Every structure is written in C-alpha cells, then in structure tokens.
C-alpha atoms as a PDB file:
ATOM      1  CA  MET A   1      30.824   4.635 -50.921  1.00  0.00           C
ATOM      2  CA  ALA A   2      30.009   7.448 -48.468  1.00  0.00           C
ATOM      3  CA  LEU A   3      26.744   5.697 -47.595  1.00  0.00           C
ATOM      4  CA  LEU A   4      28.544   2.413 -46.904  1.00  0.00           C
ATOM      5  CA  LEU A   5      31.074   4.132 -44.630  1.00  0.00           C
ATOM      6  CA  LEU A   6      28.301   5.828 -42.684  1.00  0.00           C
ATOM      7  CA  ARG A   7      26.554   2.494 -42.197  1.00  0.00           C
ATOM      8  CA  ALA A   8      29.737   0.798 -41.023  1.00  0.00           C
ATOM      9  CA  SER A   9      30.484   3.543 -38.486  1.00  0.00           C
ATOM     10  CA  LEU A  10      26.927   3.345 -37.175  1.00  0.00           C
ATOM     11  CA  VAL A  11      27.225  -0.404 -36.578  1.00  0.00           C
ATOM     12  CA  LEU A  12      30.537   0.080 -34.805  1.00  0.00           C
ATOM     13  CA  PHE A  13      29.037   2.771 -32.539  1.00  0.00           C
ATOM     14  CA  MET A  14      26.108   0.539 -31.632  1.00  0.00           C
ATOM     15  CA  ALA A  15      28.410  -2.351 -30.795  1.00  0.00           C
ATOM     16  CA  LEU A  16      30.527  -0.146 -28.529  1.00  0.00           C
ATOM     17  CA  SER A  17      27.439   1.238 -26.766  1.00  0.00           C
ATOM     18  CA  SER A  18      26.155  -2.265 -26.047  1.00  0.00           C
ATOM     19  CA  SER A  19      29.449  -3.452 -24.585  1.00  0.00           C
ATOM     20  CA  CYS A  20      29.739  -0.329 -22.404  1.00  0.00           C
ATOM     21  CA  THR A  21      26.689  -1.347 -20.387  1.00  0.00           C
ATOM     22  CA  HIS A  22      28.839  -4.051 -18.722  1.00  0.00           C
ATOM     23  CA  THR A  23      32.040  -2.065 -18.222  1.00  0.00           C
ATOM     24  CA  CYS A  24      32.963  -0.803 -14.746  1.00  0.00           C
ATOM     25  CA  SER A  25      35.969   0.637 -12.951  1.00  0.00           C
ATOM     26  CA  ASN A  26      35.600   0.050  -9.209  1.00  0.00           C
ATOM     27  CA  THR A  27      36.441  -3.566  -8.456  1.00  0.00           C
ATOM     28  CA  GLY A  28      34.134  -5.109  -5.879  1.00  0.00           C
ATOM     29  CA  ASN A  29      31.258  -2.697  -6.384  1.00  0.00           C
ATOM     30  CA  VAL A  30      27.822  -4.293  -6.634  1.00  0.00           C
ATOM     31  CA  ARG A  31      24.529  -3.229  -8.223  1.00  0.00           C
ATOM     32  CA  LEU A  32      21.042  -4.614  -8.739  1.00  0.00           C
ATOM     33  CA  VAL A  33      19.536  -4.571 -12.236  1.00  0.00           C
ATOM     34  CA  GLY A  34      16.153  -5.320 -13.760  1.00  0.00           C
ATOM     35  CA  GLY A  35      13.972  -4.762 -10.673  1.00  0.00           C
ATOM     36  CA  ARG A  36      11.033  -2.448 -10.012  1.00  0.00           C
ATOM     37  CA  ALA A  37      13.259  -0.191  -7.917  1.00  0.00           C
ATOM     38  CA  PRO A  38      17.001   0.320  -7.251  1.00  0.00           C
ATOM     39  CA  SER A  39      16.580  -1.877  -4.162  1.00  0.00           C
ATOM     40  CA  GLU A  40      15.905  -5.110  -6.060  1.00  0.00           C
ATOM     41  CA  GLY A  41      17.136  -7.032  -9.074  1.00  0.00           C
ATOM     42  CA  ILE A  42      19.804  -9.410 -10.371  1.00  0.00           C
ATOM     43  CA  VAL A  43      23.069  -9.055  -8.406  1.00  0.00           C
ATOM     44  CA  GLU A  44      26.038  -7.862 -10.465  1.00  0.00           C
ATOM     45  CA  ILE A  45      29.589  -7.369  -9.193  1.00  0.00           C
ATOM     46  CA  CYS A  46      32.434  -5.445 -10.836  1.00  0.00           C
ATOM     47  CA  LEU A  47      35.454  -7.678 -11.594  1.00  0.00           C
ATOM     48  CA  ASN A  48      38.075  -7.305 -14.311  1.00  0.00           C
ATOM     49  CA  SER A  49      36.434  -4.008 -15.378  1.00  0.00           C
ATOM     50  CA  GLN A  50      33.182  -5.784 -16.229  1.00  0.00           C
ATOM     51  CA  TRP A  51      29.858  -6.172 -14.528  1.00  0.00           C
ATOM     52  CA  GLY A  52      28.950  -9.827 -14.092  1.00  0.00           C
ATOM     53  CA  THR A  53      26.369 -11.920 -12.289  1.00  0.00           C
ATOM     54  CA  VAL A  54      26.603 -14.310  -9.334  1.00  0.00           C
ATOM     55  CA  CYS A  55      25.660 -17.994  -9.544  1.00  0.00           C
ATOM     56  CA  ASN A  56      23.215 -19.257  -6.916  1.00  0.00           C
ATOM     57  CA  HIS A  57      25.106 -22.473  -6.071  1.00  0.00           C
ATOM     58  CA  SER A  58      25.596 -22.470  -2.270  1.00  0.00           C
ATOM     59  CA  TRP A  59      24.045 -18.979  -2.092  1.00  0.00           C
ATOM     60  CA  ASP A  60      22.494 -18.290   1.316  1.00  0.00           C
ATOM     61  CA  TYR A  61      19.220 -16.522   0.666  1.00  0.00           C
ATOM     62  CA  TYR A  62      19.497 -14.522   3.883  1.00  0.00           C
ATOM     63  CA  TYR A  63      23.099 -13.993   5.037  1.00  0.00           C
ATOM     64  CA  ASP A  64      24.637 -13.497   1.593  1.00  0.00           C
ATOM     65  CA  ALA A  65      21.737 -11.252   0.530  1.00  0.00           C
ATOM     66  CA  VAL A  66      22.157  -9.105   3.658  1.00  0.00           C
ATOM     67  CA  VAL A  67      25.802  -8.455   2.761  1.00  0.00           C
ATOM     68  CA  VAL A  68      24.827  -7.273  -0.728  1.00  0.00           C
ATOM     69  CA  CYS A  69      22.134  -4.993   0.667  1.00  0.00           C
ATOM     70  CA  ARG A  70      24.405  -3.615   3.365  1.00  0.00           C
ATOM     71  CA  GLN A  71      27.049  -2.790   0.743  1.00  0.00           C
ATOM     72  CA  LEU A  72      24.369  -0.858  -1.210  1.00  0.00           C
ATOM     73  CA  GLY A  73      23.342   1.125   1.873  1.00  0.00           C
ATOM     74  CA  TYR A  74      20.143  -0.743   2.778  1.00  0.00           C
ATOM     75  CA  PRO A  75      19.647  -2.098   6.298  1.00  0.00           C
ATOM     76  CA  THR A  76      18.782  -5.691   5.353  1.00  0.00           C
ATOM     77  CA  GLY A  77      17.390  -7.898   2.594  1.00  0.00           C
ATOM     78  CA  ASN A  78      16.602 -11.361   1.274  1.00  0.00           C
ATOM     79  CA  SER A  79      16.484 -13.145  -2.074  1.00  0.00           C
ATOM     80  CA  PRO A  80      12.925 -13.556  -3.369  1.00  0.00           C
ATOM     81  CA  TYR A  81      13.761 -11.743  -6.611  1.00  0.00           C
ATOM     82  CA  SER A  82      14.217 -13.998  -9.634  1.00  0.00           C
ATOM     83  CA  GLY A  83      15.284 -13.139 -13.153  1.00  0.00           C
ATOM     84  CA  ILE A  84      17.844 -13.805 -15.869  1.00  0.00           C
ATOM     85  CA  GLY A  85      20.896 -11.612 -16.176  1.00  0.00           C
ATOM     86  CA  SER A  86      23.414 -11.087 -18.962  1.00  0.00           C
ATOM     87  CA  GLY A  87      27.166 -10.757 -19.493  1.00  0.00           C
ATOM     88  CA  PRO A  88      29.812 -12.810 -17.701  1.00  0.00           C
ATOM     89  CA  ILE A  89      29.111 -14.888 -14.598  1.00  0.00           C
ATOM     90  CA  HIS A  90      31.794 -13.875 -12.103  1.00  0.00           C
ATOM     91  CA  LEU A  91      31.177 -15.745  -8.849  1.00  0.00           C
ATOM     92  CA  ASP A  92      29.946 -19.125  -7.651  1.00  0.00           C
ATOM     93  CA  ASP A  93      29.766 -20.914  -4.284  1.00  0.00           C
ATOM     94  CA  VAL A  94      29.581 -17.630  -2.372  1.00  0.00           C
ATOM     95  CA  ASP A  95      29.751 -17.956   1.408  1.00  0.00           C
ATOM     96  CA  CYS A  96      29.435 -14.788   3.522  1.00  0.00           C
ATOM     97  CA  TRP A  97      29.475 -14.247   7.241  1.00  0.00           C
ATOM     98  CA  TYR A  98      26.648 -12.048   8.472  1.00  0.00           C
ATOM     99  CA  TRP A  99      28.929  -9.163   9.531  1.00  0.00           C
ATOM    100  CA  TYR A 100      30.752  -8.787   6.204  1.00  0.00           C
ATOM    101  CA  SER A 101      30.192  -5.409   4.553  1.00  0.00           C
ATOM    102  CA  ARG A 102      31.244  -6.240   0.961  1.00  0.00           C
ATOM    103  CA  LEU A 103      30.433  -9.206  -1.258  1.00  0.00           C
ATOM    104  CA  ILE A 104      34.000  -9.420  -2.598  1.00  0.00           C
ATOM    105  CA  ASP A 105      35.260 -10.049   0.961  1.00  0.00           C
ATOM    106  CA  CYS A 106      33.239 -13.280   1.174  1.00  0.00           C
ATOM    107  CA  PHE A 107      34.500 -16.738   0.240  1.00  0.00           C
ATOM    108  CA  TYR A 108      33.721 -17.575  -3.393  1.00  0.00           C
ATOM    109  CA  SER A 109      34.880 -19.498  -6.445  1.00  0.00           C
ATOM    110  CA  ASN A 110      35.680 -18.110  -9.901  1.00  0.00           C
ATOM    111  CA  LEU A 111      34.895 -21.467 -11.497  1.00  0.00           C
ATOM    112  CA  THR A 112      31.481 -20.792 -13.021  1.00  0.00           C
ATOM    113  CA  SER A 113      31.493 -23.158 -16.016  1.00  0.00           C
ATOM    114  CA  ASP A 114      28.630 -25.167 -14.546  1.00  0.00           C
ATOM    115  CA  CYS A 115      26.463 -22.031 -14.127  1.00  0.00           C
ATOM    116  CA  SER A 116      24.048 -20.404 -16.555  1.00  0.00           C
ATOM    117  CA  HIS A 117      22.077 -17.165 -16.352  1.00  0.00           C
ATOM    118  CA  SER A 118      19.054 -19.122 -15.196  1.00  0.00           C
ATOM    119  CA  ASP A 119      21.093 -19.595 -11.975  1.00  0.00           C
ATOM    120  CA  ASP A 120      21.676 -15.847 -11.464  1.00  0.00           C
ATOM    121  CA  VAL A 121      21.146 -14.581  -7.927  1.00  0.00           C
ATOM    122  CA  GLY A 122      18.490 -11.921  -7.348  1.00  0.00           C
ATOM    123  CA  VAL A 123      18.044  -9.852  -4.205  1.00  0.00           C
ATOM    124  CA  HIS A 124      15.290  -7.718  -2.698  1.00  0.00           C
ATOM    125  CA  CYS A 125      16.747  -5.242  -0.228  1.00  0.00           C
ATOM    126  CA  ILE A 126      14.366  -4.019   2.437  1.00  0.00           C
ATOM    127  CA  ALA A 127      14.170  -0.269   1.875  1.00  0.00           C
ATOM    128  CA  THR A 128      11.341   0.472   4.273  1.00  0.00           C
ATOM    129  CA  PRO A 129      10.230   4.115   4.045  1.00  0.00           C
ATOM    130  CA  GLY A 130       9.782   6.130   7.200  1.00  0.00           C
ATOM    131  CA  ALA A 131       6.434   7.148   8.659  1.00  0.00           C
ATOM    132  CA  PRO A 132       4.499   9.944   6.936  1.00  0.00           C
ATOM    133  CA  GLN A 133       4.973  13.334   8.575  1.00  0.00           C
ATOM    134  CA  ASP A 134       2.558  15.929  10.018  1.00  0.00           C
ATOM    135  CA  LEU A 135      -0.595  13.785   9.961  1.00  0.00           C
ATOM    136  CA  VAL A 136      -3.645  15.951  10.713  1.00  0.00           C
ATOM    137  CA  ALA A 137      -7.424  15.520  10.577  1.00  0.00           C
ATOM    138  CA  SER A 138      -9.655  18.296   9.242  1.00  0.00           C
ATOM    139  CA  ASP A 139     -13.221  18.904   8.016  1.00  0.00           C
ATOM    140  CA  ILE A 140     -14.426  16.639  10.814  1.00  0.00           C
ATOM    141  CA  CYS A 141     -18.153  15.854  10.656  1.00  0.00           C
ATOM    142  CA  SER A 142     -20.401  13.241  12.241  1.00  0.00           C
ATOM    143  CA  THR A 143     -19.648  10.506   9.693  1.00  0.00           C
ATOM    144  CA  SER A 144     -16.608  11.769   7.772  1.00  0.00           C
ATOM    145  CA  LEU A 145     -13.279  13.551   7.990  1.00  0.00           C
ATOM    146  CA  THR A 146     -10.237  14.371   5.879  1.00  0.00           C
ATOM    147  CA  LEU A 147      -6.729  13.141   6.706  1.00  0.00           C
ATOM    148  CA  SER A 148      -3.677  14.865   5.216  1.00  0.00           C
ATOM    149  CA  TRP A 149       0.068  14.370   5.668  1.00  0.00           C
ATOM    150  CA  GLN A 150       3.534  14.982   4.249  1.00  0.00           C
ATOM    151  CA  PRO A 151       5.803  12.298   2.713  1.00  0.00           C
ATOM    152  CA  PRO A 152       8.274  10.409   4.911  1.00  0.00           C
ATOM    153  CA  THR A 153      11.739  11.907   5.228  1.00  0.00           C
ATOM    154  CA  GLN A 154      13.426   8.493   4.799  1.00  0.00           C
ATOM    155  CA  THR A 155      12.742   6.879   1.420  1.00  0.00           C
ATOM    156  CA  TYR A 156      16.173   5.527   0.335  1.00  0.00           C
ATOM    157  CA  GLY A 157      15.571   7.380  -2.930  1.00  0.00           C
ATOM    158  CA  ILE A 158      12.737   5.011  -3.887  1.00  0.00           C
ATOM    159  CA  ASP A 159       9.420   6.470  -5.036  1.00  0.00           C
ATOM    160  CA  ILE A 160       6.347   6.096  -2.836  1.00  0.00           C
ATOM    161  CA  GLU A 161       3.614   4.242  -4.729  1.00  0.00           C
ATOM    162  CA  GLN A 162       0.700   4.656  -2.312  1.00  0.00           C
ATOM    163  CA  TYR A 163      -0.361   5.334   1.272  1.00  0.00           C
ATOM    164  CA  ASN A 164      -2.450   2.900   3.324  1.00  0.00           C
ATOM    165  CA  VAL A 165      -5.052   4.485   5.613  1.00  0.00           C
ATOM    166  CA  VAL A 166      -6.739   2.753   8.548  1.00  0.00           C
ATOM    167  CA  CYS A 167      -9.296   4.190  11.013  1.00  0.00           C
ATOM    168  CA  ALA A 168     -10.053   1.537  13.643  1.00  0.00           C
ATOM    169  CA  ASN A 169     -11.978  -1.281  11.961  1.00  0.00           C
ATOM    170  CA  GLU A 170     -14.269   1.061  10.052  1.00  0.00           C
ATOM    171  CA  VAL A 171     -11.997   2.114   7.187  1.00  0.00           C
ATOM    172  CA  ASN A 172      -9.135   0.481   5.301  1.00  0.00           C
ATOM    173  CA  GLN A 173      -8.272   2.245   2.061  1.00  0.00           C
ATOM    174  CA  SER A 174      -5.323   3.516   0.020  1.00  0.00           C
ATOM    175  CA  SER A 175      -4.436   6.784  -1.648  1.00  0.00           C
ATOM    176  CA  THR A 176      -1.797   7.880  -4.133  1.00  0.00           C
ATOM    177  CA  ALA A 177      -2.249  11.494  -2.970  1.00  0.00           C
ATOM    178  CA  ARG A 178      -1.166  13.016   0.343  1.00  0.00           C
ATOM    179  CA  SER A 179      -4.727  13.313   1.634  1.00  0.00           C
ATOM    180  CA  VAL A 180      -7.830  11.155   1.766  1.00  0.00           C
ATOM    181  CA  TYR A 181     -11.521  11.701   2.463  1.00  0.00           C
ATOM    182  CA  VAL A 182     -12.733   9.143   4.993  1.00  0.00           C
ATOM    183  CA  ASN A 183     -16.464   8.481   5.315  1.00  0.00           C
ATOM    184  CA  GLY A 184     -18.736   5.775   6.679  1.00  0.00           C
ATOM    185  CA  LEU A 185     -17.783   6.601  10.282  1.00  0.00           C
ATOM    186  CA  GLN A 186     -20.040   6.547  13.328  1.00  0.00           C
ATOM    187  CA  PRO A 187     -21.180   9.817  14.948  1.00  0.00           C
ATOM    188  CA  ASP A 188     -19.705  10.925  18.268  1.00  0.00           C
ATOM    189  CA  THR A 189     -17.038   8.186  18.171  1.00  0.00           C
ATOM    190  CA  THR A 190     -13.281   8.244  18.828  1.00  0.00           C
ATOM    191  CA  TYR A 191     -11.096   6.758  16.086  1.00  0.00           C
ATOM    192  CA  ASP A 192      -7.394   5.931  16.012  1.00  0.00           C
ATOM    193  CA  CYS A 193      -6.416   6.722  12.415  1.00  0.00           C
ATOM    194  CA  SER A 194      -3.054   5.826  10.904  1.00  0.00           C
ATOM    195  CA  VAL A 195      -1.239   6.218   7.585  1.00  0.00           C
ATOM    196  CA  SER A 196       1.734   4.241   6.233  1.00  0.00           C
ATOM    197  CA  ALA A 197       3.793   4.668   3.070  1.00  0.00           C
ATOM    198  CA  VAL A 198       4.373   1.852   0.553  1.00  0.00           C
ATOM    199  CA  ASN A 199       7.152   2.235  -2.038  1.00  0.00           C
ATOM    200  CA  ILE A 200       7.280   0.863  -5.578  1.00  0.00           C
ATOM    201  CA  ALA A 201       9.162  -2.194  -4.275  1.00  0.00           C
ATOM    202  CA  ALA A 202       6.136  -2.986  -2.039  1.00  0.00           C
ATOM    203  CA  ASP A 203       7.994  -2.199   1.211  1.00  0.00           C
ATOM    204  CA  GLU A 204       5.574  -0.733   3.776  1.00  0.00           C
ATOM    205  CA  GLY A 205       6.889   1.540   6.483  1.00  0.00           C
ATOM    206  CA  PRO A 206       5.759   2.368  10.039  1.00  0.00           C
ATOM    207  CA  ARG A 207       2.500   4.197  10.639  1.00  0.00           C
ATOM    208  CA  ALA A 208       1.868   7.791  11.611  1.00  0.00           C
ATOM    209  CA  CYS A 209      -1.080   7.949  14.025  1.00  0.00           C
ATOM    210  CA  THR A 210      -3.640  10.456  15.246  1.00  0.00           C
ATOM    211  CA  THR A 211      -6.779  10.220  17.395  1.00  0.00           C
ATOM    212  CA  VAL A 212      -9.973  11.857  16.125  1.00  0.00           C
ATOM    213  CA  ARG A 213     -13.484  12.133  17.534  1.00  0.00           C
ATOM    214  CA  THR A 214     -16.358  12.539  15.090  1.00  0.00           C
ATOM    215  CA  LEU A 215     -19.077  15.067  15.826  1.00  0.00           C
ATOM    216  CA  GLN A 216     -22.617  14.406  16.986  1.00  0.00           C
ATOM    217  CA  ASN A 217     -25.143  13.871  14.221  1.00  0.00           C
ATOM    218  CA  VAL A 218     -27.896  15.729  16.137  1.00  0.00           C
ATOM    219  CA  PRO A 219     -27.040  19.017  17.858  1.00  0.00           C
ATOM    220  CA  SER A 220     -27.934  18.714  21.552  1.00  0.00           C
ATOM    221  CA  ALA A 221     -28.160  22.484  21.903  1.00  0.00           C
ATOM    222  CA  ALA A 222     -30.010  25.193  20.000  1.00  0.00           C
ATOM    223  CA  PRO A 223     -28.421  28.084  18.093  1.00  0.00           C
ATOM    224  CA  GLN A 224     -27.557  30.891  20.490  1.00  0.00           C
ATOM    225  CA  SER A 225     -28.490  34.574  20.764  1.00  0.00           C
ATOM    226  CA  VAL A 226     -31.113  34.735  18.023  1.00  0.00           C
ATOM    227  CA  ARG A 227     -31.720  38.394  17.175  1.00  0.00           C
ATOM    228  CA  GLY A 228     -33.526  40.313  14.463  1.00  0.00           C
ATOM    229  CA  TYR A 229     -34.928  43.608  13.308  1.00  0.00           C
ATOM    230  CA  ALA A 230     -37.362  44.857  10.686  1.00  0.00           C
ATOM    231  CA  SER A 231     -35.320  45.646   7.592  1.00  0.00           C
ATOM    232  CA  SER A 232     -38.473  46.910   5.838  1.00  0.00           C
ATOM    233  CA  SER A 233     -42.238  46.892   6.340  1.00  0.00           C
ATOM    234  CA  THR A 234     -42.399  43.320   4.914  1.00  0.00           C
ATOM    235  CA  ALA A 235     -39.011  41.825   5.861  1.00  0.00           C
ATOM    236  CA  ILE A 236     -37.095  40.785   8.980  1.00  0.00           C
ATOM    237  CA  TYR A 237     -33.302  40.316   9.141  1.00  0.00           C
ATOM    238  CA  LEU A 238     -32.346  37.495  11.537  1.00  0.00           C
ATOM    239  CA  TYR A 239     -28.907  36.501  12.846  1.00  0.00           C
ATOM    240  CA  TRP A 240     -27.616  34.082  15.509  1.00  0.00           C
ATOM    241  CA  SER A 241     -24.611  32.127  16.780  1.00  0.00           C
ATOM    242  CA  PRO A 242     -24.082  28.393  16.093  1.00  0.00           C
ATOM    243  CA  PRO A 243     -24.726  25.857  18.886  1.00  0.00           C
ATOM    244  CA  PRO A 244     -22.087  26.017  21.633  1.00  0.00           C
ATOM    245  CA  TYR A 245     -20.550  22.608  20.778  1.00  0.00           C
ATOM    246  CA  GLN A 246     -18.746  21.482  17.654  1.00  0.00           C
ATOM    247  CA  TYR A 247     -21.056  20.210  14.942  1.00  0.00           C
ATOM    248  CA  CYS A 248     -20.826  19.844  11.200  1.00  0.00           C
ATOM    249  CA  ILE A 249     -23.756  22.157  10.423  1.00  0.00           C
ATOM    250  CA  ILE A 250     -25.368  21.475   7.034  1.00  0.00           C
ATOM    251  CA  HIS A 251     -28.024  24.215   7.292  1.00  0.00           C
ATOM    252  CA  TYR A 252     -30.404  25.979   9.634  1.00  0.00           C
ATOM    253  CA  SER A 253     -34.201  25.789   9.731  1.00  0.00           C
ATOM    254  CA  ILE A 254     -36.079  28.977  10.614  1.00  0.00           C
ATOM    255  CA  ILE A 255     -39.721  28.751  11.673  1.00  0.00           C
ATOM    256  CA  VAL A 256     -41.601  32.058  11.461  1.00  0.00           C
ATOM    257  CA  ARG A 257     -44.974  32.207  13.237  1.00  0.00           C
ATOM    258  CA  GLU A 258     -47.545  34.992  13.017  1.00  0.00           C
ATOM    259  CA  VAL A 259     -48.515  35.661  16.634  1.00  0.00           C
ATOM    260  CA  ASN A 260     -51.995  36.967  15.756  1.00  0.00           C
ATOM    261  CA  THR A 261     -53.097  34.088  13.503  1.00  0.00           C
ATOM    262  CA  GLY A 262     -50.735  31.256  14.449  1.00  0.00           C
ATOM    263  CA  THR A 263     -49.776  30.734  10.792  1.00  0.00           C
ATOM    264  CA  GLN A 264     -46.262  29.291  10.366  1.00  0.00           C
ATOM    265  CA  THR A 265     -43.776  29.276   7.499  1.00  0.00           C
ATOM    266  CA  GLN A 266     -40.433  27.454   7.346  1.00  0.00           C
ATOM    267  CA  HIS A 267     -37.242  28.758   5.769  1.00  0.00           C
ATOM    268  CA  THR A 268     -33.638  27.490   5.442  1.00  0.00           C
ATOM    269  CA  SER A 269     -30.226  29.114   5.478  1.00  0.00           C
ATOM    270  CA  THR A 270     -26.699  27.731   5.193  1.00  0.00           C
ATOM    271  CA  ASP A 271     -25.336  30.744   7.096  1.00  0.00           C
ATOM    272  CA  PRO A 272     -26.154  31.922  10.634  1.00  0.00           C
ATOM    273  CA  ARG A 273     -28.087  34.868   9.171  1.00  0.00           C
ATOM    274  CA  THR A 274     -30.937  35.372   6.738  1.00  0.00           C
ATOM    275  CA  THR A 275     -33.654  37.766   5.580  1.00  0.00           C
ATOM    276  CA  ILE A 276     -37.305  36.661   5.797  1.00  0.00           C
ATOM    277  CA  ASN A 277     -39.355  38.407   3.097  1.00  0.00           C
ATOM    278  CA  ARG A 278     -43.037  38.711   2.114  1.00  0.00           C
ATOM    279  CA  LEU A 279     -44.331  39.392   5.604  1.00  0.00           C
ATOM    280  CA  HIS A 280     -47.357  41.490   6.538  1.00  0.00           C
ATOM    281  CA  PRO A 281     -46.809  45.068   7.641  1.00  0.00           C
ATOM    282  CA  TYR A 282     -47.371  45.785  11.322  1.00  0.00           C
ATOM    283  CA  TYR A 283     -47.658  42.092  12.270  1.00  0.00           C
ATOM    284  CA  THR A 284     -45.877  40.525  15.223  1.00  0.00           C
ATOM    285  CA  TYR A 285     -43.744  37.471  14.421  1.00  0.00           C
ATOM    286  CA  GLU A 286     -42.075  34.807  16.568  1.00  0.00           C
ATOM    287  CA  CYS A 287     -38.917  33.343  15.010  1.00  0.00           C
ATOM    288  CA  ARG A 288     -37.210  30.101  16.062  1.00  0.00           C
ATOM    289  CA  VAL A 289     -34.012  28.542  14.643  1.00  0.00           C
ATOM    290  CA  ALA A 290     -32.732  24.932  14.623  1.00  0.00           C
ATOM    291  CA  ALA A 291     -29.372  23.632  13.401  1.00  0.00           C
ATOM    292  CA  HIS A 292     -29.128  20.589  11.133  1.00  0.00           C
ATOM    293  CA  THR A 293     -26.275  18.123  10.848  1.00  0.00           C
ATOM    294  CA  THR A 294     -27.612  14.833   9.515  1.00  0.00           C
ATOM    295  CA  ARG A 295     -30.813  15.479  11.487  1.00  0.00           C
ATOM    296  CA  GLU A 296     -32.572  18.471  13.031  1.00  0.00           C
ATOM    297  CA  GLY A 297     -31.428  19.670  16.432  1.00  0.00           C
ATOM    298  CA  VAL A 298     -33.101  21.651  19.203  1.00  0.00           C
ATOM    299  CA  LEU A 299     -35.103  24.797  18.361  1.00  0.00           C
ATOM    300  CA  SER A 300     -34.036  28.085  19.902  1.00  0.00           C
END
C-alpha cells in the first residue's frame, strides 16, 4: 500500500510540473521559446494566467514581429523562425502598427478554432552584438601577425559563437578565441584588418578595424655596432645591435675569416651575441654579421 501511494504522489507531482511550464502571472508579457537563443523562437503571450501561442493568420512578418521584439528589448526583428509550439493558442488575426510597444495593444481576435500549432508564429529578433573592443596587432613579421581583442560590450545577453577576421583580400577566417594568427600575407604591405562578432543566433555585428604594415622580408640594413673581444686564447665573444629598422629577425649569420689564410667559417645565432670557439691562438680574425628574416640581409 505504501508503494502504491508513493507512485500515485509521484505521478501527481509530474503532472503539476508539466502544467506549470505554461502558467504565467503578468498578462500581456511575451516570450520566445524553442530557438537557438533567447532572441528567437515561437511567440508566446501570457493571457488568463497561461502562456499560449499566436496564430499566423494575417500576421505581418515585419511590423508585427518588430512589436514583439521591441517588447522584449531588441531593436528590431522579422519572422523567419518556424516551429511548432504547445499549449493553448491565444491570438489570431493580429494587426499591429509599427509604433506599438506591446503585442497585447495590437488588434487581434480570440477566435482561434481554425488554427493549429502548425500555424504558430515564430520570430527572430535582431540582437546584433557590438564591435569587438581593443583590437591590436602584435608579433608582426613579413608574412604574418597576430590579432587580439576583447568581446563586445553589447551582446543582449546572447553568447558569441565566433569572430570573423578579414585582412584586405588576403585573409578571411574565423576564430572562437579572442585572438587569431594570420599568415599568408605579403611583405612590406599595409593591411586593413577587421574583426566582427557573430552570436549563436547568427547575428553579425559591426567590425572593429586596425591598420597594420608587415615587415620587410629582407633587411635593407646590416646589424649595427658589431664588437668583440678574445674571451680565451681560442674563442671570441661577439655582440651587436639589430638592424635600425623593424624586422622579424629569425637568426643571424656570422662569417669568421682568418686574415692570414683567408679561410672562412660560418656560424648562426638567434640572439645578437655569440661566442665563436675553436679558433687558433694568436691569429687575427675578421667577423661579419648578417640578419635573416625570410632571406639573408646585408652583411656588416
């Protein structure tokens, strides 16, 4: 008997929970249900303490939709969303003027016997996010750079799904992160790069823009102020300054020539300093340095 009572109370609780999904208290309120985001879905209006749908007979897919979206706090909207609702069907033959702010203030009929849920009105409100903030370019090289930004301040509470990145006609890509590595660019070229946010309802906002110039792929000047001293009888410590212009230096080549014999050896360094070992004691050496980006630049 106790088991039967428990089962009966469980069924009753489930029935009450199901019916509560359509109860409401503020007459005239509207909501959108079933969409990808709060800004789209089947239109429901609160009447007689119950949420109910709206029949699409005489529904204007622009003016009436705009009123619904305006009531929900979105700037505008239209009605491409389609779906099947549930519960009572409250309104039919809705006719709104563009400047109305609430759906219940529009002309409508309560006679919905000729409507079914296949006639339910759906709305997509335009909840365009704002432009991304603080767009900056960094790690600029001859053929690549990194763009980073902060999310838009205006999102209407709808999640951002991705960011679209464009740099002139060279690059068109997307990112789910707040930064992107852009490559395939041309050396020594100015690019107008922009980023826009796209929310989960596929609304794309305005673009944040920045202008970037890529670096030269061959340094036109040699490393500066090459200096050195004998750190031992068989080693020389060399140091220098990078070329005077901005380049994305990959490494340096150091050519060491024995003055007496003319014999040359080549060395590399990723830093503007290095130690050359295994030299002959009491020999005179000539040292020259070149910077490399994608190709070798001028020797010092």
